[in-house]
């Protein structure tokens, strides 16, 4: 039990430090050269679309930093709706892939407005799953049996039943009792 608590404390501390250092992750772009080509011992990177490696790194880290924070939020969220966080995660991941693709292949045929077309099916699936989870939770909390709704025929234009009609007539037959003050008020009108 004590090992488990210390494990949670260590994990929580690492997550807190990661969040605290997230601005430094973004500002890592400043260490990249302001040239079109970046050569190091591992690889050579040539920035075609952005014209210099620093601008490309600024663009990539501008997508990676919120993506990193959204992943932390997704994996640590305890709310029932946490699947909705996948929507902005998908959006940032798609933007990161498109930014890298544009820089490598110098093709700017995927505009920001087209992103919604490509991402819409994923958004619809995620939102449908979240809505189904919401329905299940409300069913469990309020004890609503959804199968009863399917069996019951409800029509807006259905005729009123005899029982309901007798209740309506009962209310119409009753006259409210007025006090002396109410009677004086209505006479003055």
Protein backbone atom coordinates (compact mmCIF):
# COMPACT_ATOMS: atom_id res chain seq x y z
CA UNK A 1 0.00 0.00 0.00
CA UNK A 2 2.84 2.37 0.86
CA UNK A 3 4.65 1.53 -2.40
CA UNK A 4 1.49 2.27 -4.34
CA UNK A 5 1.12 5.68 -2.67
CA UNK A 6 4.73 6.59 -3.31
CA UNK A 7 4.30 5.48 -6.95
CA UNK A 8 1.29 7.78 -7.33
CA UNK A 9 3.23 10.60 -5.68
CA UNK A 10 6.18 10.09 -8.03
CA UNK A 11 3.94 9.92 -11.10
CA UNK A 12 2.01 13.02 -10.01
CA UNK A 13 5.26 14.89 -9.41
CA UNK A 14 6.56 13.97 -12.88
CA UNK A 15 3.31 15.11 -14.48
CA UNK A 16 3.38 18.40 -12.52
CA UNK A 17 7.00 19.03 -13.53
CA UNK A 18 6.18 18.25 -17.16
CA UNK A 19 3.35 20.77 -17.14
CA UNK A 20 5.51 23.36 -15.37
CA UNK A 21 8.27 22.98 -17.98
CA UNK A 22 5.94 23.03 -20.99
CA UNK A 23 6.83 26.66 -21.87
CA UNK A 24 10.46 25.56 -22.11
CA UNK A 25 9.42 22.83 -24.53
CA UNK A 26 7.89 25.48 -26.76
CA UNK A 27 10.93 27.78 -26.57
CA UNK A 28 13.26 24.98 -27.67
CA UNK A 29 12.92 26.38 -31.19
CA UNK A 30 15.47 29.04 -30.27
CA UNK A 31 18.28 26.46 -30.20
CA UNK A 32 17.78 25.59 -33.87
CA UNK A 33 19.84 27.36 -36.53
CA UNK A 34 18.45 30.20 -38.55
CA UNK A 35 19.60 28.54 -41.79
CA UNK A 36 17.79 26.60 -44.45
CA UNK A 37 19.83 23.42 -43.77
CA UNK A 38 20.61 21.89 -40.38
CA UNK A 39 23.38 19.31 -40.37
CA UNK A 40 24.34 17.27 -37.35
CA UNK A 41 25.96 13.89 -36.74
CA UNK A 42 22.65 12.01 -36.95
CA UNK A 43 20.85 13.55 -39.94
CA UNK A 44 20.53 16.51 -42.24
CA UNK A 45 17.29 18.49 -42.25
CA UNK A 46 16.44 20.93 -45.01
CA UNK A 47 13.53 23.29 -44.55
CA UNK A 48 11.86 23.88 -47.90
CA UNK A 49 8.51 25.48 -47.13
CA UNK A 50 9.53 27.59 -44.10
CA UNK A 51 12.89 28.67 -45.63
CA UNK A 52 14.76 28.24 -42.31
CA UNK A 53 14.97 25.53 -39.67
CA UNK A 54 14.13 27.87 -36.77
CA UNK A 55 10.76 28.80 -38.29
CA UNK A 56 10.00 25.15 -38.98
CA UNK A 57 10.90 24.24 -35.37
CA UNK A 58 8.74 27.12 -34.10
CA UNK A 59 5.81 25.76 -36.12
CA UNK A 60 6.33 22.15 -34.99
CA UNK A 61 6.80 23.03 -31.32
CA UNK A 62 3.72 25.27 -31.51
CA UNK A 63 1.77 22.10 -32.31
CA UNK A 64 3.71 19.64 -30.12
CA UNK A 65 3.40 21.66 -26.88
CA UNK A 66 -0.43 21.81 -26.74
CA UNK A 67 -0.55 18.23 -28.04
CA UNK A 68 1.68 17.16 -25.16
CA UNK A 69 -0.51 18.99 -22.62
CA UNK A 70 -3.69 17.53 -24.11
CA UNK A 71 -2.25 14.01 -23.85
CA UNK A 72 -1.50 14.61 -20.16
CA UNK A 73 -5.03 15.88 -19.66
CA UNK A 74 -6.52 12.91 -21.52
CA UNK A 75 -4.62 10.30 -19.54
CA UNK A 76 -5.18 11.94 -16.15
CA UNK A 77 -8.80 13.07 -16.55
CA UNK A 78 -11.31 11.22 -14.38
CA UNK A 79 -14.48 12.73 -15.82
CA UNK A 80 -16.91 10.73 -17.95
CA UNK A 81 -16.44 13.07 -20.92
CA UNK A 82 -12.67 12.66 -21.23
CA UNK A 83 -13.01 11.08 -24.69
CA UNK A 84 -13.94 14.50 -26.06
CA UNK A 85 -10.33 15.56 -25.44
CA UNK A 86 -9.47 13.31 -28.40
CA UNK A 87 -11.02 15.92 -30.71
CA UNK A 88 -8.39 18.65 -30.11
CA UNK A 89 -5.68 15.97 -29.87
CA UNK A 90 -6.63 14.81 -33.36
CA UNK A 91 -6.75 18.37 -34.64
CA UNK A 92 -3.25 19.23 -33.37
CA UNK A 93 -1.81 15.91 -34.56
CA UNK A 94 -3.29 16.50 -38.01
CA UNK A 95 -1.90 20.04 -38.11
CA UNK A 96 1.54 18.74 -37.10
CA UNK A 97 1.53 16.13 -39.86
CA UNK A 98 0.37 18.69 -42.43
CA UNK A 99 3.04 21.21 -41.33
CA UNK A 100 5.76 18.56 -41.66
CA UNK A 101 4.36 17.36 -45.00
CA UNK A 102 4.32 20.91 -46.37
CA UNK A 103 7.91 21.51 -45.31
CA UNK A 104 9.26 18.27 -46.77
CA UNK A 105 7.27 18.17 -50.01
CA UNK A 106 6.57 21.90 -50.51
CA UNK A 107 2.92 21.27 -51.25
CA UNK A 108 0.41 23.54 -49.66
CA UNK A 109 -2.72 21.92 -51.01
CA UNK A 110 -4.22 21.13 -47.61
CA UNK A 111 -5.57 24.35 -46.19
CA UNK A 112 -6.84 24.96 -42.67
CA UNK A 113 -10.41 25.03 -43.97
CA UNK A 114 -10.03 21.54 -45.44
CA UNK A 115 -9.00 20.10 -42.08
CA UNK A 116 -12.59 19.95 -40.89
CA UNK A 117 -13.56 17.85 -43.88
CA UNK A 118 -10.85 15.29 -43.12
CA UNK A 119 -11.45 15.33 -39.37
CA UNK A 120 -15.28 15.41 -39.37
CA UNK A 121 -15.80 11.61 -39.44
CA UNK A 122 -13.47 11.20 -36.48
CA UNK A 123 -15.23 14.00 -34.57
CA UNK A 124 -18.63 12.45 -35.24
CA UNK A 125 -17.48 9.05 -33.99
CA UNK A 126 -15.96 10.51 -30.81
CA UNK A 127 -19.00 12.67 -30.05
CA UNK A 128 -21.32 9.70 -30.63
CA UNK A 129 -19.33 7.58 -28.19
CA UNK A 130 -19.38 10.36 -25.59
CA UNK A 131 -23.13 10.81 -26.01
CA UNK A 132 -23.71 7.08 -25.56
CA UNK A 133 -21.60 7.12 -22.40
CA UNK A 134 -23.65 10.08 -21.16
CA UNK A 135 -26.89 8.21 -21.79
CA UNK A 136 -25.59 5.15 -19.89
CA UNK A 137 -24.54 7.32 -16.93
CA UNK A 138 -27.88 9.10 -16.77
CA UNK A 139 -29.63 5.74 -17.06
CA UNK A 140 -27.69 4.46 -14.10
CA UNK A 141 -28.11 7.62 -11.99
CA UNK A 142 -31.80 8.25 -12.60
CA UNK A 143 -32.90 4.68 -13.25
CA UNK A 144 -34.33 5.41 -16.67
CA UNK A 145 -35.09 2.24 -18.58
CA UNK A 146 -34.51 3.14 -22.20
CA UNK A 147 -36.30 0.02 -23.44
CA UNK A 148 -39.57 1.42 -22.06
CA UNK A 149 -39.27 4.38 -24.40
CA UNK A 150 -39.09 2.10 -27.39
CA UNK A 151 -42.19 0.14 -26.31
CA UNK A 152 -44.34 3.18 -25.51
CA UNK A 153 -46.16 4.80 -28.38
CA UNK A 154 -46.22 8.52 -27.90
CA UNK A 155 -47.85 10.76 -30.45
CA UNK A 156 -48.35 14.48 -30.27
CA UNK A 157 -51.56 14.24 -32.27
CA UNK A 158 -53.07 11.27 -30.44
CA UNK A 159 -56.59 11.70 -29.06
CA UNK A 160 -56.94 12.54 -25.38
CA UNK A 161 -57.96 9.62 -23.20
CA UNK A 162 -61.25 9.53 -21.27
CA UNK A 163 -59.40 9.64 -17.96
CA UNK A 164 -57.46 12.74 -18.96
CA UNK A 165 -60.62 14.41 -20.30
CA UNK A 166 -62.45 13.82 -17.00
CA UNK A 167 -59.56 15.42 -15.10
CA UNK A 168 -59.65 18.46 -17.38
CA UNK A 169 -63.43 18.83 -16.91
CA UNK A 170 -62.99 18.49 -13.15
CA UNK A 171 -60.62 21.43 -13.11
CA UNK A 172 -62.93 23.50 -15.30
CA UNK A 173 -65.95 22.86 -13.06
CA UNK A 174 -64.20 24.07 -9.93
CA UNK A 175 -64.50 27.77 -9.38
CA UNK A 176 -61.89 29.41 -7.25
CA UNK A 177 -63.08 30.85 -3.98
CA UNK A 178 -62.48 34.55 -3.82
CA UNK A 179 -61.90 36.53 -0.66
CA UNK A 180 -63.65 39.82 0.00
CA UNK A 181 -60.54 41.73 -1.05
CA UNK A 182 -60.37 39.81 -4.35
CA UNK A 183 -64.05 40.47 -5.05
CA UNK A 184 -63.57 44.22 -4.42
CA UNK A 185 -60.56 44.24 -6.73
CA UNK A 186 -62.43 42.57 -9.58
CA UNK A 187 -65.47 44.90 -9.16
CA UNK A 188 -63.21 47.94 -9.59
CA UNK A 189 -61.97 46.60 -12.91
